[in-house]
Structures are given as C-alpha cells and as structure tokens.
Amino acid sequence: QVQLVESGGGLVQAGGSLRLSCVASGRTFNKYFISWFRQAPGKEREFIAAIAWSGGETYYADFGKGRFTISRDSAMNTVFLQMNNLKPEDTAVYYCAARPAGSNTYNSWGQGTQVTVSS
C-alpha cells in the first residue's frame, strides 16, 4: 500500500498558477501509477493526469492537456501537478491517488487540497 500526503492548494485569481505536491511512501510504490483527480461541488470526481513512477510516462485527460503538467521527483518521492492559467471552472478539491501497475483500481488516496479560483 501507498500513503499519500498532499499540499499546495489555495486561493488564486483567474489566470494565476499553482503547483500541487503529493509525497508518497510505501514499500512498492515504484511499480505504481500516481494520478491527480478533482471534484467540484455538485459534480462527479474526474481524472486529470497520471504518471508511471518507475518510467515517468504521463497520461492526460483531454481538458488537462496544455494548462496542466504532471511530473515527479524520484529523490523526493514526490509527484507534482503544475496548473497554469487557472479558471474559475478549475475550482475543486484536488486529490492524488495511487494504483498498482496493471490494475485500474486506485487503492490509496490523499486527503485532498482545496483549489479556489476567483474571477
């Protein structure tokens, strides 16, 4: 199992940027995918992006391409989500999650961090 600790959320004006961090710990997270999700009030949780911990391959939802960038720092056991040109529609609770390679089930979730974009 993987344990995740998130940070970096906050209040920003439209057009601003935020960098979210997710610190991972566990015995076998090197074989995991780490992903970012978000959930806005009254809406379903949606996938943003994922990264393979070992090889660094990345995957993005269509809306996440361009403005959002996922990356990792292996030495720091940390996955980042860089968010640029934020819009009010990006307001949501952002979560990081982990799943084993070869599985489509996320078995570890962070606590969530609030991102609020004002107009």
C-alpha atoms as a PDB file:
ATOM      1  CA  GLN A   1       0.000   0.000   0.000  1.00  0.00           C
ATOM      2  CA  VAL A   2       0.994   3.599  -0.643  1.00  0.00           C
ATOM      3  CA  GLN A   3       0.458   6.519   1.710  1.00  0.00           C
ATOM      4  CA  LEU A   4      -0.019   9.964   0.170  1.00  0.00           C
ATOM      5  CA  VAL A   5       0.265  13.464   1.635  1.00  0.00           C
ATOM      6  CA  GLU A   6      -0.890  16.452  -0.435  1.00  0.00           C
ATOM      7  CA  SER A   7      -0.141  20.159  -0.241  1.00  0.00           C
ATOM      8  CA  GLY A   8      -0.136  23.298  -2.368  1.00  0.00           C
ATOM      9  CA  GLY A   9      -3.784  24.271  -2.714  1.00  0.00           C
ATOM     10  CA  GLY A  10      -5.040  27.770  -2.102  1.00  0.00           C
ATOM     11  CA  LEU A  11      -6.912  30.796  -3.398  1.00  0.00           C
ATOM     12  CA  VAL A  12      -5.752  32.384  -6.655  1.00  0.00           C
ATOM     13  CA  GLN A  13      -7.133  34.848  -9.173  1.00  0.00           C
ATOM     14  CA  ALA A  14      -8.122  33.765 -12.654  1.00  0.00           C
ATOM     15  CA  GLY A  15      -5.028  33.489 -14.823  1.00  0.00           C
ATOM     16  CA  GLY A  16      -2.793  32.577 -11.911  1.00  0.00           C
ATOM     17  CA  SER A  17      -0.827  29.403 -11.245  1.00  0.00           C
ATOM     18  CA  LEU A  18      -0.497  26.788  -8.527  1.00  0.00           C
ATOM     19  CA  ARG A  19       1.818  23.827  -8.014  1.00  0.00           C
ATOM     20  CA  LEU A  20       0.374  20.901  -6.083  1.00  0.00           C
ATOM     21  CA  SER A  21       2.601  18.325  -4.382  1.00  0.00           C
ATOM     22  CA  CYS A  22       1.938  14.711  -3.404  1.00  0.00           C
ATOM     23  CA  VAL A  23       4.522  12.920  -1.261  1.00  0.00           C
ATOM     24  CA  ALA A  24       4.346   9.124  -1.487  1.00  0.00           C
ATOM     25  CA  SER A  25       5.636   6.467   0.879  1.00  0.00           C
ATOM     26  CA  GLY A  26       5.410   2.692   0.911  1.00  0.00           C
ATOM     27  CA  ARG A  27       7.258  -0.482   0.018  1.00  0.00           C
ATOM     28  CA  THR A  28       6.316  -0.885  -3.643  1.00  0.00           C
ATOM     29  CA  PHE A  29       5.248   2.492  -4.985  1.00  0.00           C
ATOM     30  CA  ASN A  30       7.969   2.246  -7.630  1.00  0.00           C
ATOM     31  CA  LYS A  31       5.563  -0.056  -9.523  1.00  0.00           C
ATOM     32  CA  TYR A  32       2.595   2.301  -9.169  1.00  0.00           C
ATOM     33  CA  PHE A  33       0.863   4.946 -11.200  1.00  0.00           C
ATOM     34  CA  ILE A  34       0.254   8.188  -9.312  1.00  0.00           C
ATOM     35  CA  SER A  35      -2.676  10.262 -10.541  1.00  0.00           C
ATOM     36  CA  TRP A  36      -4.442  13.542  -9.880  1.00  0.00           C
ATOM     37  CA  PHE A  37      -8.223  13.832  -9.669  1.00  0.00           C
ATOM     38  CA  ARG A  38     -10.533  16.705  -8.821  1.00  0.00           C
ATOM     39  CA  GLN A  39     -14.102  17.074  -7.646  1.00  0.00           C
ATOM     40  CA  ALA A  40     -16.072  20.297  -7.878  1.00  0.00           C
ATOM     41  CA  PRO A  41     -19.192  20.961  -5.786  1.00  0.00           C
ATOM     42  CA  GLY A  42     -22.168  19.083  -7.193  1.00  0.00           C
ATOM     43  CA  LYS A  43     -20.077  17.261  -9.787  1.00  0.00           C
ATOM     44  CA  GLU A  44     -18.519  13.824 -10.113  1.00  0.00           C
ATOM     45  CA  ARG A  45     -14.862  13.207  -9.469  1.00  0.00           C
ATOM     46  CA  GLU A  46     -12.834  13.437 -12.684  1.00  0.00           C
ATOM     47  CA  PHE A  47      -9.410  12.224 -13.736  1.00  0.00           C
ATOM     48  CA  ILE A  48      -6.794  14.853 -14.623  1.00  0.00           C
ATOM     49  CA  ALA A  49      -3.445  13.164 -15.244  1.00  0.00           C
ATOM     50  CA  ALA A  50      -1.293  10.176 -14.288  1.00  0.00           C
ATOM     51  CA  ILE A  51       2.402   9.350 -14.203  1.00  0.00           C
ATOM     52  CA  ALA A  52       4.204   5.998 -14.007  1.00  0.00           C
ATOM     53  CA  TRP A  53       6.542   6.174 -11.049  1.00  0.00           C
ATOM     54  CA  SER A  54       9.293   3.992 -12.488  1.00  0.00           C
ATOM     55  CA  GLY A  55       9.404   5.124 -16.118  1.00  0.00           C
ATOM     56  CA  GLY A  56       7.831   8.582 -15.971  1.00  0.00           C
ATOM     57  CA  GLU A  57       5.256   8.027 -18.720  1.00  0.00           C
ATOM     58  CA  THR A  58       2.406  10.536 -18.470  1.00  0.00           C
ATOM     59  CA  TYR A  59      -1.278  10.458 -19.400  1.00  0.00           C
ATOM     60  CA  TYR A  60      -3.756  13.333 -19.514  1.00  0.00           C
ATOM     61  CA  ALA A  61      -7.467  13.823 -19.747  1.00  0.00           C
ATOM     62  CA  ASP A  62      -8.372  15.984 -22.723  1.00  0.00           C
ATOM     63  CA  PHE A  63      -9.152  19.033 -20.590  1.00  0.00           C
ATOM     64  CA  GLY A  64      -5.853  18.636 -18.726  1.00  0.00           C
ATOM     65  CA  LYS A  65      -3.626  18.886 -21.772  1.00  0.00           C
ATOM     66  CA  GLY A  66      -1.761  22.162 -22.132  1.00  0.00           C
ATOM     67  CA  ARG A  67      -2.500  24.040 -18.907  1.00  0.00           C
ATOM     68  CA  PHE A  68      -1.711  21.162 -16.528  1.00  0.00           C
ATOM     69  CA  THR A  69       1.600  19.294 -16.261  1.00  0.00           C
ATOM     70  CA  ILE A  70       2.297  16.236 -14.121  1.00  0.00           C
ATOM     71  CA  SER A  71       5.856  15.376 -13.102  1.00  0.00           C
ATOM     72  CA  ARG A  72       7.798  13.536 -10.424  1.00  0.00           C
ATOM     73  CA  ASP A  73      10.961  13.914  -8.365  1.00  0.00           C
ATOM     74  CA  SER A  74      12.129  10.388  -7.577  1.00  0.00           C
ATOM     75  CA  ALA A  75      14.655  11.506  -4.960  1.00  0.00           C
ATOM     76  CA  MET A  76      11.924  13.352  -3.051  1.00  0.00           C
ATOM     77  CA  ASN A  77       9.228  10.677  -3.601  1.00  0.00           C
ATOM     78  CA  THR A  78       7.009  13.492  -4.823  1.00  0.00           C
ATOM     79  CA  VAL A  79       4.571  13.945  -7.705  1.00  0.00           C
ATOM     80  CA  PHE A  80       3.652  17.470  -8.801  1.00  0.00           C
ATOM     81  CA  LEU A  81       0.777  18.997 -10.691  1.00  0.00           C
ATOM     82  CA  GLN A  82       1.647  22.359 -12.212  1.00  0.00           C
ATOM     83  CA  MET A  83      -1.500  24.301 -13.067  1.00  0.00           C
ATOM     84  CA  ASN A  84      -1.257  27.437 -15.209  1.00  0.00           C
ATOM     85  CA  ASN A  85      -3.803  29.956 -16.481  1.00  0.00           C
ATOM     86  CA  LEU A  86      -6.320  28.836 -13.901  1.00  0.00           C
ATOM     87  CA  LYS A  87     -10.004  29.498 -14.483  1.00  0.00           C
ATOM     88  CA  PRO A  88     -12.969  29.675 -12.094  1.00  0.00           C
ATOM     89  CA  GLU A  89     -14.125  26.356 -13.559  1.00  0.00           C
ATOM     90  CA  ASP A  90     -10.981  24.769 -12.066  1.00  0.00           C
ATOM     91  CA  THR A  91     -12.270  25.367  -8.532  1.00  0.00           C
ATOM     92  CA  ALA A  92     -12.422  21.955  -6.851  1.00  0.00           C
ATOM     93  CA  VAL A  93     -10.884  19.687  -4.261  1.00  0.00           C
ATOM     94  CA  TYR A  94      -7.820  18.076  -5.818  1.00  0.00           C
ATOM     95  CA  TYR A  95      -6.741  14.561  -4.829  1.00  0.00           C
ATOM     96  CA  CYS A  96      -3.746  12.409  -5.596  1.00  0.00           C
ATOM     97  CA  ALA A  97      -4.212   8.653  -5.811  1.00  0.00           C
ATOM     98  CA  ALA A  98      -2.122   5.538  -6.409  1.00  0.00           C
ATOM     99  CA  ARG A  99      -2.804   2.244  -8.156  1.00  0.00           C
ATOM    100  CA  PRO A 100      -0.573  -0.754  -8.905  1.00  0.00           C
ATOM    101  CA  ALA A 101       0.749  -1.166 -12.415  1.00  0.00           C
ATOM    102  CA  GLY A 102      -1.561  -3.440 -14.372  1.00  0.00           C
ATOM    103  CA  SER A 103      -4.610  -2.506 -12.288  1.00  0.00           C
ATOM    104  CA  ASN A 104      -7.375   0.033 -12.823  1.00  0.00           C
ATOM    105  CA  THR A 105      -8.220   0.234  -9.120  1.00  0.00           C
ATOM    106  CA  TYR A 106      -6.883   3.110  -7.027  1.00  0.00           C
ATOM    107  CA  ASN A 107      -6.257   1.701  -3.555  1.00  0.00           C
ATOM    108  CA  SER A 108      -4.647   4.765  -1.946  1.00  0.00           C
ATOM    109  CA  TRP A 109      -5.916   8.350  -1.797  1.00  0.00           C
ATOM    110  CA  GLY A 110      -4.647  11.565  -0.323  1.00  0.00           C
ATOM    111  CA  GLN A 111      -6.721  13.793   1.922  1.00  0.00           C
ATOM    112  CA  GLY A 112      -7.442  16.371  -0.780  1.00  0.00           C
ATOM    113  CA  THR A 113      -6.409  20.001  -1.125  1.00  0.00           C
ATOM    114  CA  GLN A 114      -8.791  22.848  -1.954  1.00  0.00           C
ATOM    115  CA  VAL A 115      -8.132  24.973  -5.036  1.00  0.00           C
ATOM    116  CA  THR A 116     -10.285  28.082  -5.403  1.00  0.00           C
ATOM    117  CA  VAL A 117     -10.003  30.353  -8.440  1.00  0.00           C
ATOM    118  CA  SER A 118     -11.684  33.736  -8.166  1.00  0.00           C
ATOM    119  CA  SER A 119     -12.981  35.761 -11.092  1.00  0.00           C
END
